[in-house]
């Protein structure tokens, strides 16, 4: 235990000092003008007795203090193992009262600090609800304790217009709104549990504007009623600093009896149902159904297949030519992504690209696409080609800060001239992309690349923003092109759109041309470039170069001829 050497040394010094003083006093008491051996011997006896008594007293005090300190050390070890509630040993208070008081104060403060840490780790600081981790832990414990036949319902709640409140009124107002939402959810959950005599509900905040309610024991038939009650309580206005705010919510319902027994399965099912509710118009509650279960299984399969496709390099690019309306010569070709699925055959991008954007794999697919585009442009340049390669850029890629930098780097590494590159950005995306993304695009354009707006006519364009964007071409959506040969009003709309594009100083490109008559009308009304299956089908890179060479050899050939 504790080493008492220091305390014993002090006791010994004290005893010797006391003996020395007793010796001096005894000598003075028998003083007769001189000191002889007899006087010194007589004085030494009481000095030795005094020193021995002092040593015994000090040794007893040392032993008591050492034992108290041993007890204090043992108590500190218990505290280090998590025991902050047991009292300080009594011998510590008796022998070293200051140490006892200090230890008690320390343990009290540690208890308060640990409670604060636990609260921060388990509860959301804005709403006071259990956070994602604590909700999951508590919910899993509740599920484990439930009998197999016992019903239970999980509601996944996503606020519909919370972002607008947060953006327009600030984060403080957003936090006030979330706190009020949490309180209403607590009341609604407790009311439902009391009404249907189910077990105590669990309410949590997952993240942002996403909340969950688990109602163990709630009958399946009552789940829809409870969800609609929650919708009703959230659609009522909230008072935010004296001003009203309206949000509403979309709710996904997953019942334990639907085959989803684990929390992971319940949350995934409720999440799918919630997104289905949003797709149906928001402000709704939708239950997880066999149809949604099939969709979820399909989604999971596509996710797994996409991951496998990236690893197995199953993606490929095909190219659809764009020809000049004036002389039918190829001016560009749009790169189109294809997935050579080992079982289902060649799949168009429309069948998987949205899922890739949702699960984030679009970034890795885009990285492959960047390298392939750079390699293709370099090959074309070596062949003496002058036509550009059009590349579609999606929202996730444009949001990815390094995408444009990666593209520029890949182009430089491959020796691909930027003048043969054209970026195609969807109309809606162009209206909302960030200033940093626009700056990156403008920098690439300054190096010689061209920029096109795709799907023009399907979004909500701001003419002033269009005028300020770093763009060279605007592609009419196929919905504008489709009826130009048969309907006068369609020709009027297309003519007006082409006039607007020219007024902005850009070239007009018509996509989705299927028939020769459409191409002829578009030539007449002033379209600059034509693209579509009626001009040429998408083809492999080598086939495209041969097709272009053959077309140059027959300058009178029309664009709608098959390759």
Protein backbone atom coordinates (compact mmCIF):
# COMPACT_ATOMS: atom_id res chain seq x y z
CA UNK A 1 0.00 0.00 0.00
CA UNK A 2 1.16 3.61 0.56
CA UNK A 3 4.83 4.17 1.34
CA UNK A 4 4.97 5.82 4.79
CA UNK A 5 8.71 6.59 4.72
CA UNK A 6 8.22 10.35 4.43
CA UNK A 7 5.74 10.51 7.31
CA UNK A 8 7.92 8.25 9.50
CA UNK A 9 10.96 10.40 8.77
CA UNK A 10 9.09 13.44 9.93
CA UNK A 11 7.97 11.59 13.10
CA UNK A 12 11.55 10.59 13.84
CA UNK A 13 12.77 14.15 13.44
CA UNK A 14 9.97 15.34 15.73
CA UNK A 15 10.86 12.74 18.41
CA UNK A 16 14.58 13.59 18.29
CA UNK A 17 13.83 17.30 18.55
CA UNK A 18 11.53 16.73 21.54
CA UNK A 19 14.23 14.57 23.22
CA UNK A 20 16.85 17.22 22.62
CA UNK A 21 14.68 19.90 24.16
CA UNK A 22 13.95 17.66 27.18
CA UNK A 23 17.70 17.05 27.59
CA UNK A 24 18.50 20.79 27.56
CA UNK A 25 15.75 21.54 30.06
CA UNK A 26 16.94 18.72 32.38
CA UNK A 27 20.52 19.99 32.23
CA UNK A 28 19.34 23.53 33.07
CA UNK A 29 17.25 22.17 35.99
CA UNK A 30 20.31 20.48 37.56
CA UNK A 31 22.73 23.27 36.69
CA UNK A 32 25.28 23.97 39.42
CA UNK A 33 27.67 26.18 37.54
CA UNK A 34 29.21 23.35 35.53
CA UNK A 35 28.15 20.17 33.66
CA UNK A 36 29.68 16.85 34.60
CA UNK A 37 28.99 13.28 33.54
CA UNK A 38 26.58 12.72 36.39
CA UNK A 39 24.43 15.73 35.45
CA UNK A 40 24.46 14.78 31.75
CA UNK A 41 23.50 11.17 32.52
CA UNK A 42 20.68 12.34 34.78
CA UNK A 43 19.40 14.69 32.05
CA UNK A 44 19.67 12.03 29.31
CA UNK A 45 17.16 9.68 30.93
CA UNK A 46 14.11 12.05 30.70
CA UNK A 47 15.25 13.10 27.23
CA UNK A 48 15.16 9.48 26.04
CA UNK A 49 11.79 8.88 27.67
CA UNK A 50 10.35 12.04 26.05
CA UNK A 51 11.72 11.07 22.62
CA UNK A 52 10.26 7.55 22.89
CA UNK A 53 6.83 8.86 23.84
CA UNK A 54 6.92 11.38 20.98
CA UNK A 55 8.03 8.67 18.54
CA UNK A 56 5.19 6.37 19.63
CA UNK A 57 2.63 9.17 19.21
CA UNK A 58 3.98 10.08 15.78
CA UNK A 59 4.03 6.43 14.69
CA UNK A 60 0.38 6.06 15.68
CA UNK A 61 -0.57 9.20 13.74
CA UNK A 62 1.41 7.98 10.72
CA UNK A 63 -0.35 4.64 10.78
CA UNK A 64 -3.80 6.29 10.93
CA UNK A 65 -3.04 8.72 8.11
CA UNK A 66 -1.50 6.01 5.93
CA UNK A 67 -4.58 3.80 6.41
CA UNK A 68 -6.85 6.72 5.52
CA UNK A 69 -4.85 7.45 2.39
CA UNK A 70 -4.99 3.74 1.46
CA UNK A 71 -8.78 3.95 1.77
CA UNK A 72 -8.83 7.11 -0.36
CA UNK A 73 -6.80 5.40 -3.09
CA UNK A 74 -9.14 2.38 -3.08
CA UNK A 75 -12.14 4.73 -3.38
CA UNK A 76 -10.50 6.57 -6.31
CA UNK A 77 -9.93 3.24 -8.06
CA UNK A 78 -13.65 2.45 -7.65
CA UNK A 79 -14.47 5.87 -9.06
CA UNK A 80 -12.25 5.22 -12.07
CA UNK A 81 -14.34 2.06 -12.67
CA UNK A 82 -17.51 4.16 -12.71
CA UNK A 83 -18.64 4.21 -9.06
CA UNK A 84 -19.23 7.88 -8.26
CA UNK A 85 -22.16 7.31 -5.87
CA UNK A 86 -20.58 5.44 -2.93
CA UNK A 87 -19.63 7.62 0.08
CA UNK A 88 -16.09 8.69 0.95
CA UNK A 89 -14.64 6.29 3.62
CA UNK A 90 -15.09 7.59 7.19
CA UNK A 91 -11.40 7.17 8.12
CA UNK A 92 -10.46 9.56 5.28
CA UNK A 93 -12.75 12.22 6.76
CA UNK A 94 -11.40 11.62 10.25
CA UNK A 95 -7.70 11.59 9.36
CA UNK A 96 -7.53 13.86 6.29
CA UNK A 97 -10.72 15.96 6.25
CA UNK A 98 -9.54 18.29 3.46
CA UNK A 99 -8.88 15.29 1.17
CA UNK A 100 -12.33 13.87 1.99
CA UNK A 101 -14.05 17.17 1.13
CA UNK A 102 -12.07 17.55 -2.10
CA UNK A 103 -12.87 13.99 -3.23
CA UNK A 104 -16.59 14.47 -2.57
CA UNK A 105 -16.63 17.71 -4.54
CA UNK A 106 -14.72 16.09 -7.40
CA UNK A 107 -17.12 13.13 -7.62
CA UNK A 108 -20.15 15.44 -7.59
CA UNK A 109 -18.73 17.49 -10.47
CA UNK A 110 -17.80 14.37 -12.43
CA UNK A 111 -21.35 13.05 -12.00
CA UNK A 112 -22.78 16.29 -13.38
CA UNK A 113 -20.32 16.31 -16.30
CA UNK A 114 -20.99 12.68 -17.18
CA UNK A 115 -24.74 13.31 -17.08
CA UNK A 116 -24.25 16.20 -19.50
CA UNK A 117 -22.12 14.06 -21.81
CA UNK A 118 -24.66 11.25 -21.70
CA UNK A 119 -27.48 13.65 -22.49
CA UNK A 120 -25.56 15.11 -25.44
CA UNK A 121 -24.69 11.62 -26.69
CA UNK A 122 -28.24 10.29 -26.40
CA UNK A 123 -30.55 13.25 -26.96
CA UNK A 124 -30.94 15.85 -29.66
CA UNK A 125 -30.00 19.26 -28.27
CA UNK A 126 -32.63 21.14 -30.30
CA UNK A 127 -35.72 19.03 -29.63
CA UNK A 128 -34.79 17.05 -26.51
CA UNK A 129 -35.82 13.87 -28.34
CA UNK A 130 -33.64 10.76 -28.49
CA UNK A 131 -31.13 11.08 -31.33
CA UNK A 132 -30.71 8.49 -34.08
CA UNK A 133 -28.30 6.27 -32.13
CA UNK A 134 -30.31 6.29 -28.88
CA UNK A 135 -33.63 5.86 -30.70
CA UNK A 136 -32.25 2.84 -32.54
CA UNK A 137 -30.86 1.31 -29.36
CA UNK A 138 -34.09 1.82 -27.40
CA UNK A 139 -36.25 0.66 -30.28
CA UNK A 140 -34.19 -2.48 -30.83
CA UNK A 141 -34.54 -3.30 -27.13
CA UNK A 142 -38.31 -2.83 -27.37
CA UNK A 143 -38.52 -5.06 -30.44
CA UNK A 144 -36.44 -7.75 -28.75
CA UNK A 145 -38.82 -7.77 -25.79
CA UNK A 146 -41.95 -8.08 -27.95
CA UNK A 147 -43.68 -11.40 -28.53
CA UNK A 148 -43.58 -12.59 -32.18
CA UNK A 149 -47.32 -12.05 -32.68
CA UNK A 150 -47.39 -8.60 -31.05
CA UNK A 151 -48.09 -5.77 -33.55
CA UNK A 152 -46.08 -2.59 -33.80
CA UNK A 153 -45.89 0.39 -36.12
CA UNK A 154 -43.03 2.66 -37.15
CA UNK A 155 -43.83 6.08 -38.62
CA UNK A 156 -41.13 7.85 -40.64
CA UNK A 157 -41.97 11.57 -40.73
CA UNK A 158 -40.33 14.07 -43.06
CA UNK A 159 -41.33 17.74 -42.91
CA UNK A 160 -42.35 19.06 -46.32
CA UNK A 161 -41.44 22.75 -46.28
CA UNK A 162 -38.94 23.04 -43.47
CA UNK A 163 -36.07 24.12 -45.75
CA UNK A 164 -38.04 27.18 -46.88
CA UNK A 165 -38.48 28.27 -43.25
CA UNK A 166 -34.82 27.65 -42.47
CA UNK A 167 -33.62 29.53 -45.56
CA UNK A 168 -35.93 32.53 -45.28
CA UNK A 169 -36.11 33.02 -41.50
CA UNK A 170 -32.76 31.66 -40.38
CA UNK A 171 -31.53 28.69 -38.40
CA UNK A 172 -32.75 30.04 -35.07
CA UNK A 173 -36.32 30.10 -36.39
CA UNK A 174 -35.78 26.65 -37.86
CA UNK A 175 -34.69 25.32 -34.46
CA UNK A 176 -37.76 26.85 -32.80
CA UNK A 177 -39.94 25.15 -35.38
CA UNK A 178 -38.25 21.78 -34.85
CA UNK A 179 -38.72 22.05 -31.08
CA UNK A 180 -42.45 22.71 -31.54
CA UNK A 181 -42.76 19.85 -34.02
CA UNK A 182 -41.13 17.53 -31.48
CA UNK A 183 -43.59 18.58 -28.79
CA UNK A 184 -46.58 17.97 -31.05
CA UNK A 185 -45.22 14.56 -32.00
CA UNK A 186 -44.80 13.63 -28.33
CA UNK A 187 -48.41 14.60 -27.60
CA UNK A 188 -49.74 12.77 -30.67
CA UNK A 189 -47.77 9.60 -29.86
CA UNK A 190 -48.83 9.58 -26.21
CA UNK A 191 -52.46 10.18 -27.17
CA UNK A 192 -52.37 7.29 -29.64
CA UNK A 193 -50.80 4.97 -27.06
CA UNK A 194 -53.44 5.91 -24.49
CA UNK A 195 -56.32 5.56 -26.98
CA UNK A 196 -55.28 2.12 -28.20
CA UNK A 197 -53.84 0.99 -24.85
CA UNK A 198 -50.49 0.18 -26.42
CA UNK A 199 -47.08 0.33 -24.77
CA UNK A 200 -45.22 3.59 -24.22
CA UNK A 201 -44.30 5.14 -27.60
CA UNK A 202 -40.78 6.05 -28.67
CA UNK A 203 -40.24 9.34 -30.49
CA UNK A 204 -36.89 10.33 -32.02
CA UNK A 205 -35.25 12.82 -34.33
CA UNK A 206 -33.09 11.10 -36.93
CA UNK A 207 -31.53 14.14 -38.61
CA UNK A 208 -32.50 17.48 -40.08
CA UNK A 209 -36.28 17.47 -40.51
CA UNK A 210 -36.71 13.70 -40.18
CA UNK A 211 -38.52 12.20 -37.17
CA UNK A 212 -39.66 8.73 -36.18
CA UNK A 213 -42.34 7.31 -33.89
CA UNK A 214 -42.42 3.67 -32.83
CA UNK A 215 -45.69 2.46 -31.32
CA UNK A 216 -45.27 -1.06 -29.89
CA UNK A 217 -48.56 -2.89 -29.58
CA UNK A 218 -50.48 -0.55 -31.90
CA UNK A 219 -53.00 -2.57 -33.97
CA UNK A 220 -52.16 -2.55 -37.68
CA UNK A 221 -55.63 -1.25 -38.52
CA UNK A 222 -55.01 1.84 -36.38
CA UNK A 223 -51.68 2.79 -38.01
CA UNK A 224 -53.27 4.81 -40.80
CA UNK A 225 -55.54 6.64 -38.36
CA UNK A 226 -52.61 7.58 -36.11
CA UNK A 227 -50.55 8.74 -39.11
CA UNK A 228 -53.41 10.96 -40.31
CA UNK A 229 -53.72 12.41 -36.79
CA UNK A 230 -50.01 13.24 -36.88
CA UNK A 231 -50.46 14.91 -40.27
CA UNK A 232 -53.36 16.93 -38.88
CA UNK A 233 -51.35 18.17 -35.91
CA UNK A 234 -48.39 19.16 -38.10
CA UNK A 235 -50.45 20.99 -40.72
CA UNK A 236 -51.60 23.53 -38.12
CA UNK A 237 -49.55 26.78 -38.20
CA UNK A 238 -46.58 27.15 -35.87
CA UNK A 239 -45.87 30.37 -33.98
CA UNK A 240 -42.25 31.33 -34.67
CA UNK A 241 -41.30 34.51 -32.89
CA UNK A 242 -44.73 36.05 -33.36
CA UNK A 243 -45.03 35.02 -37.02
CA UNK A 244 -46.78 31.96 -38.36
CA UNK A 245 -45.06 29.17 -40.30
CA UNK A 246 -46.76 26.26 -42.08
CA UNK A 247 -44.88 23.11 -43.00
CA UNK A 248 -46.84 19.86 -43.10
CA UNK A 249 -45.25 16.46 -43.53
CA UNK A 250 -45.08 13.24 -45.51
CA UNK A 251 -45.27 10.01 -43.52
CA UNK A 252 -44.24 6.45 -44.29
CA UNK A 253 -45.87 3.63 -42.32
CA UNK A 254 -44.27 0.24 -41.68
CA UNK A 255 -46.08 -2.42 -39.66
CA UNK A 256 -44.27 -5.19 -37.86
CA UNK A 257 -46.79 -7.68 -39.21
CA UNK A 258 -45.85 -6.90 -42.84
CA UNK A 259 -42.81 -9.18 -42.62
CA UNK A 260 -40.45 -6.47 -41.39
CA UNK A 261 -39.36 -7.61 -37.95
CA UNK A 262 -35.98 -5.99 -37.35
CA UNK A 263 -35.55 -2.27 -36.83
CA UNK A 264 -33.39 -1.99 -39.96
CA UNK A 265 -36.15 -3.59 -42.02
CA UNK A 266 -38.83 -1.41 -40.43
CA UNK A 267 -36.89 1.81 -41.02
CA UNK A 268 -36.06 0.90 -44.61
CA UNK A 269 -39.71 0.04 -45.32
CA UNK A 270 -41.01 3.22 -43.66
CA UNK A 271 -38.44 5.27 -45.57
CA UNK A 272 -39.57 3.80 -48.89
CA UNK A 273 -43.22 4.45 -47.99
CA UNK A 274 -42.39 8.04 -47.02
CA UNK A 275 -40.73 8.75 -50.37
CA UNK A 276 -43.75 7.21 -52.07
CA UNK A 277 -45.93 9.67 -50.13
CA UNK A 278 -43.79 12.56 -51.39
CA UNK A 279 -44.07 11.28 -54.96
CA UNK A 280 -47.85 11.19 -54.57
CA UNK A 281 -47.98 14.91 -53.79
CA UNK A 282 -46.68 15.38 -50.23
CA UNK A 283 -48.83 15.98 -47.17
CA UNK A 284 -49.79 12.31 -47.22
CA UNK A 285 -49.30 9.11 -45.26
CA UNK A 286 -48.54 5.95 -47.21
CA UNK A 287 -48.14 2.42 -45.88
CA UNK A 288 -45.49 -0.03 -46.98
CA UNK A 289 -47.19 -2.46 -49.36
CA UNK A 290 -46.18 -5.54 -51.37
CA UNK A 291 -45.85 -3.26 -54.40
CA UNK A 292 -43.41 -1.04 -52.52
CA UNK A 293 -41.67 -4.14 -51.20
CA UNK A 294 -41.11 -5.24 -54.79
CA UNK A 295 -39.83 -1.77 -55.65
CA UNK A 296 -37.48 -1.88 -52.65
CA UNK A 297 -36.16 -5.28 -53.70
CA UNK A 298 -35.63 -3.94 -57.22
CA UNK A 299 -33.83 -0.90 -55.85
CA UNK A 300 -31.54 -3.03 -53.71
CA UNK A 301 -30.83 -5.32 -56.66
CA UNK A 302 -30.01 -2.36 -58.92
CA UNK A 303 -27.71 -0.95 -56.24
CA UNK A 304 -25.85 -4.24 -56.00
CA UNK A 305 -25.72 -4.64 -59.79
CA UNK A 306 -24.43 -1.09 -60.25
CA UNK A 307 -21.66 -1.68 -57.75
CA UNK A 308 -20.76 -4.90 -59.55
CA UNK A 309 -20.91 -3.10 -62.92
CA UNK A 310 -18.39 -0.51 -61.75
CA UNK A 311 -16.00 -3.22 -60.58
CA UNK A 312 -16.49 -5.31 -63.75
CA UNK A 313 -16.28 -2.30 -66.10
CA UNK A 314 -19.63 -3.07 -67.72
CA UNK A 315 -20.29 0.54 -68.80
CA UNK A 316 -19.67 1.83 -72.31
CA UNK A 317 -20.18 5.00 -74.32
CA UNK A 318 -22.04 5.23 -77.61
CA UNK A 319 -22.23 8.37 -79.72
CA UNK A 320 -25.14 10.00 -81.55
CA UNK A 321 -24.12 12.46 -84.28
CA UNK A 322 -25.34 16.04 -84.54
CA UNK A 323 -25.35 17.44 -88.07
CA UNK A 324 -25.43 20.94 -89.43
CA UNK A 325 -28.85 21.92 -90.80
CA UNK A 326 -27.04 23.89 -93.51
CA UNK A 327 -24.76 21.26 -95.08
CA UNK A 328 -25.51 17.99 -93.24
CA UNK A 329 -21.93 17.64 -92.01
CA UNK A 330 -21.25 16.33 -88.51
CA UNK A 331 -20.45 19.11 -86.05
CA UNK A 332 -20.67 17.16 -82.80
CA UNK A 333 -21.66 13.84 -81.27
CA UNK A 334 -23.36 13.33 -77.92
CA UNK A 335 -21.85 10.69 -75.64
CA UNK A 336 -24.57 8.40 -74.28
CA UNK A 337 -23.93 6.02 -71.39
CA UNK A 338 -24.87 2.36 -71.76
CA UNK A 339 -24.75 -0.49 -69.28
CA UNK A 340 -23.91 -3.87 -70.78
CA UNK A 341 -25.72 -5.92 -68.17
CA UNK A 342 -24.58 -9.56 -68.21
CA UNK A 343 -28.16 -10.86 -67.85
CA UNK A 344 -30.52 -8.12 -69.06
CA UNK A 345 -28.46 -6.95 -72.03
CA UNK A 346 -27.74 -3.34 -72.98
CA UNK A 347 -29.54 -0.86 -70.70
CA UNK A 348 -30.02 2.84 -71.48
CA UNK A 349 -28.95 5.41 -68.92
CA UNK A 350 -32.56 6.39 -68.21
CA UNK A 351 -33.11 2.97 -66.60
CA UNK A 352 -30.40 3.36 -63.95
CA UNK A 353 -28.94 6.87 -63.81
CA UNK A 354 -31.54 8.22 -61.36
CA UNK A 355 -30.80 5.35 -58.98
CA UNK A 356 -27.07 5.95 -59.35
CA UNK A 357 -27.61 9.61 -58.41
CA UNK A 358 -29.65 8.62 -55.36
CA UNK A 359 -27.14 6.11 -54.01
CA UNK A 360 -24.08 8.21 -54.86
CA UNK A 361 -22.54 5.75 -57.33
CA UNK A 362 -22.94 8.38 -60.05
CA UNK A 363 -19.69 9.92 -58.81
CA UNK A 364 -17.71 6.71 -59.49
CA UNK A 365 -19.51 6.17 -62.78
CA UNK A 366 -18.70 9.77 -63.65
CA UNK A 367 -15.02 9.21 -62.86
CA UNK A 368 -14.95 6.31 -65.31
CA UNK A 369 -16.84 8.41 -67.83
CA UNK A 370 -14.37 11.30 -67.47
CA UNK A 371 -11.42 9.04 -68.27
CA UNK A 372 -13.25 7.49 -71.22
CA UNK A 373 -14.25 10.88 -72.61
CA UNK A 374 -10.69 12.17 -72.38
CA UNK A 375 -9.38 9.04 -74.11
CA UNK A 376 -12.00 9.33 -76.88
CA UNK A 377 -11.33 13.01 -77.56
CA UNK A 378 -7.59 12.36 -77.69
CA UNK A 379 -8.21 9.54 -80.21
CA UNK A 380 -10.42 11.74 -82.34
CA UNK A 381 -7.84 14.52 -82.32
CA UNK A 382 -5.17 12.12 -83.53
CA UNK A 383 -7.51 11.09 -86.35
CA UNK A 384 -7.85 14.73 -87.37
CA UNK A 385 -11.50 15.05 -86.31
CA UNK A 386 -12.97 18.51 -85.82
CA UNK A 387 -16.38 17.58 -84.39
CA UNK A 388 -16.96 18.02 -80.67
CA UNK A 389 -17.95 15.41 -78.09
CA UNK A 390 -20.99 16.40 -76.03
CA UNK A 391 -21.03 15.17 -72.43
CA UNK A 392 -24.07 15.27 -70.14
CA UNK A 393 -23.30 16.55 -66.64
CA UNK A 394 -25.72 15.56 -63.87
CA UNK A 395 -26.65 17.37 -60.68
CA UNK A 396 -24.57 15.11 -58.42
CA UNK A 397 -21.53 15.49 -60.67
CA UNK A 398 -21.90 19.26 -60.79
CA UNK A 399 -22.29 19.37 -57.01
CA UNK A 400 -19.13 17.29 -56.69
CA UNK A 401 -16.52 20.03 -56.22
CA UNK A 402 -13.77 18.15 -58.01
CA UNK A 403 -15.67 16.95 -61.09
CA UNK A 404 -14.68 19.76 -63.45
CA UNK A 405 -11.12 19.71 -62.11
CA UNK A 406 -10.98 15.94 -62.66
CA UNK A 407 -12.25 16.41 -66.21
CA UNK A 408 -9.67 19.08 -66.98
CA UNK A 409 -6.92 16.94 -65.46
CA UNK A 410 -7.96 13.86 -67.43
CA UNK A 411 -8.05 15.91 -70.64
CA UNK A 412 -4.54 17.24 -70.05
CA UNK A 413 -3.18 13.81 -69.14
CA UNK A 414 -4.68 12.22 -72.27
CA UNK A 415 -3.55 15.07 -74.53
CA UNK A 416 -7.18 15.81 -75.46
CA UNK A 417 -7.79 19.34 -76.81
CA UNK A 418 -10.54 21.21 -74.88
CA UNK A 419 -11.85 22.59 -78.19
CA UNK A 420 -13.34 19.15 -78.94
CA UNK A 421 -15.29 19.03 -75.65
CA UNK A 422 -18.83 20.24 -75.06
CA UNK A 423 -20.56 20.11 -71.67
CA UNK A 424 -24.34 19.61 -71.73
CA UNK A 425 -26.20 20.81 -68.61
CA UNK A 426 -29.93 20.36 -68.07
CA UNK A 427 -32.06 23.50 -68.15
CA UNK A 428 -33.32 23.23 -64.58
CA UNK A 429 -29.85 22.42 -63.26
CA UNK A 430 -28.37 25.40 -65.09
CA UNK A 431 -30.92 27.67 -63.43
CA UNK A 432 -29.92 26.55 -59.93
CA UNK A 433 -26.27 25.49 -60.02
CA UNK A 434 -23.91 27.25 -57.63
CA UNK A 435 -21.64 30.17 -58.47
CA UNK A 436 -18.58 27.99 -57.83
CA UNK A 437 -19.82 25.40 -60.34
CA UNK A 438 -20.45 28.13 -62.91
CA UNK A 439 -16.96 29.52 -62.32
CA UNK A 440 -15.45 26.07 -62.97
CA UNK A 441 -17.48 25.70 -66.15
CA UNK A 442 -16.47 29.19 -67.30
CA UNK A 443 -12.80 28.35 -66.71
CA UNK A 444 -13.11 25.22 -68.85
CA UNK A 445 -14.91 27.22 -71.52
CA UNK A 446 -12.10 29.77 -71.52
CA UNK A 447 -9.73 26.95 -72.46
CA UNK A 448 -11.77 26.27 -75.61
CA UNK A 449 -14.57 23.93 -74.52
CA UNK A 450 -18.18 24.75 -75.37
CA UNK A 451 -21.21 24.66 -73.10
CA UNK A 452 -24.78 23.71 -74.03
CA UNK A 453 -28.09 23.89 -72.18
CA UNK A 454 -29.97 20.60 -72.60
CA UNK A 455 -33.72 19.85 -72.50
CA UNK A 456 -34.67 23.49 -73.11
CA UNK A 457 -38.42 23.94 -72.74
CA UNK A 458 -38.95 21.45 -69.90
CA UNK A 459 -37.87 23.60 -66.94
CA UNK A 460 -38.43 27.14 -65.72
CA UNK A 461 -35.81 29.25 -67.40
CA UNK A 462 -34.96 32.72 -66.26
CA UNK A 463 -34.09 34.69 -69.40
CA UNK A 464 -31.85 37.11 -67.50
CA UNK A 465 -29.91 34.19 -66.02
CA UNK A 466 -29.69 32.49 -69.41
CA UNK A 467 -28.17 35.68 -70.79
CA UNK A 468 -25.50 35.69 -68.09
CA UNK A 469 -24.60 32.00 -68.24
CA UNK A 470 -21.35 30.95 -69.98
CA UNK A 471 -23.14 29.01 -72.77
CA UNK A 472 -22.78 28.58 -76.53
CA UNK A 473 -25.64 26.31 -77.59
CA UNK A 474 -29.18 25.55 -76.42
CA UNK A 475 -30.83 22.22 -77.22
CA UNK A 476 -34.58 22.17 -77.77
CA UNK A 477 -36.26 19.33 -75.91
CA UNK A 478 -37.94 16.63 -77.97
CA UNK A 479 -41.34 17.79 -76.66
CA UNK A 480 -40.91 21.00 -78.68
CA UNK A 481 -39.72 19.12 -81.76
CA UNK A 482 -42.23 16.27 -81.72
CA UNK A 483 -45.19 17.92 -83.52
CA UNK A 484 -43.50 20.62 -85.64
CA UNK A 485 -44.30 18.79 -88.89
CA UNK A 486 -48.00 18.29 -88.12
CA UNK A 487 -49.20 21.24 -85.98
CA UNK A 488 -48.98 24.90 -86.77
CA UNK A 489 -48.91 25.95 -83.11
CA UNK A 490 -45.99 23.58 -82.48
CA UNK A 491 -44.08 25.19 -85.37
CA UNK A 492 -44.85 28.62 -83.92
CA UNK A 493 -43.50 27.62 -80.51
CA UNK A 494 -40.37 26.06 -82.01
CA UNK A 495 -39.80 29.10 -84.24
CA UNK A 496 -40.15 31.45 -81.25
CA UNK A 497 -37.77 29.32 -79.15
CA UNK A 498 -35.17 29.31 -81.92
CA UNK A 499 -35.52 33.08 -82.26
CA UNK A 500 -34.98 33.49 -78.50
CA UNK A 501 -31.90 31.26 -78.62
CA UNK A 502 -30.42 33.29 -81.47
CA UNK A 503 -31.22 36.53 -79.62
CA UNK A 504 -29.14 35.21 -76.72
CA UNK A 505 -26.23 34.74 -79.12
CA UNK A 506 -26.38 30.93 -79.03
CA UNK A 507 -26.80 28.17 -81.59
CA UNK A 508 -30.10 26.27 -81.64
CA UNK A 509 -29.94 22.48 -81.59
CA UNK A 510 -33.01 20.28 -82.08
CA UNK A 511 -32.89 16.89 -80.37
CA UNK A 512 -35.28 13.98 -80.62
CA UNK A 513 -35.83 14.18 -84.40
CA UNK A 514 -37.52 10.96 -85.51
CA UNK A 515 -38.77 11.73 -89.05
CA UNK A 516 -37.44 13.53 -92.16
CA UNK A 517 -40.41 15.94 -92.13
CA UNK A 518 -39.39 17.24 -88.70
CA UNK A 519 -35.84 17.89 -89.91
CA UNK A 520 -37.09 19.78 -92.98
CA UNK A 521 -39.36 22.05 -90.94
CA UNK A 522 -36.62 22.80 -88.45
CA UNK A 523 -34.24 23.74 -91.27
CA UNK A 524 -36.80 26.13 -92.69
CA UNK A 525 -37.49 27.90 -89.36
CA UNK A 526 -33.79 28.46 -88.73
CA UNK A 527 -32.52 25.65 -86.47
CA UNK A 528 -28.73 25.33 -86.69
CA UNK A 529 -28.10 21.68 -85.72
CA UNK A 530 -30.16 18.49 -85.86
CA UNK A 531 -29.98 15.33 -83.73
CA UNK A 532 -32.12 12.25 -83.26
CA UNK A 533 -32.82 8.74 -84.46
CA UNK A 534 -34.11 10.22 -87.71
CA UNK A 535 -30.59 11.55 -88.31
CA UNK A 536 -28.57 8.61 -87.01
CA UNK A 537 -28.79 5.97 -84.31
CA UNK A 538 -26.23 6.03 -81.47
CA UNK A 539 -23.16 3.97 -82.43
CA UNK A 540 -19.79 2.85 -81.15
CA UNK A 541 -16.86 5.23 -81.48
CA UNK A 542 -15.10 3.35 -84.30
CA UNK A 543 -18.36 3.04 -86.26
CA UNK A 544 -19.02 6.75 -85.82
CA UNK A 545 -15.65 7.74 -87.31
CA UNK A 546 -16.24 5.49 -90.33
CA UNK A 547 -19.74 6.92 -90.71
CA UNK A 548 -18.40 10.47 -90.66
CA UNK A 549 -15.75 9.61 -93.28
CA UNK A 550 -18.39 8.07 -95.52
CA UNK A 551 -20.64 11.10 -95.09
CA UNK A 552 -17.85 13.45 -96.11
CA UNK A 553 -17.41 11.38 -99.23
CA UNK A 554 -21.08 11.90 -100.09
CA UNK A 555 -21.73 15.61 -99.43
CA UNK A 556 -25.21 15.44 -100.91
CA UNK A 557 -26.41 12.75 -98.45
CA UNK A 558 -29.18 13.87 -96.16
CA UNK A 559 -28.89 13.63 -92.37
CA UNK A 560 -31.84 11.30 -91.96
CA UNK A 561 -30.23 8.45 -93.91
CA UNK A 562 -29.42 5.37 -91.88
CA UNK A 563 -25.72 4.75 -91.10
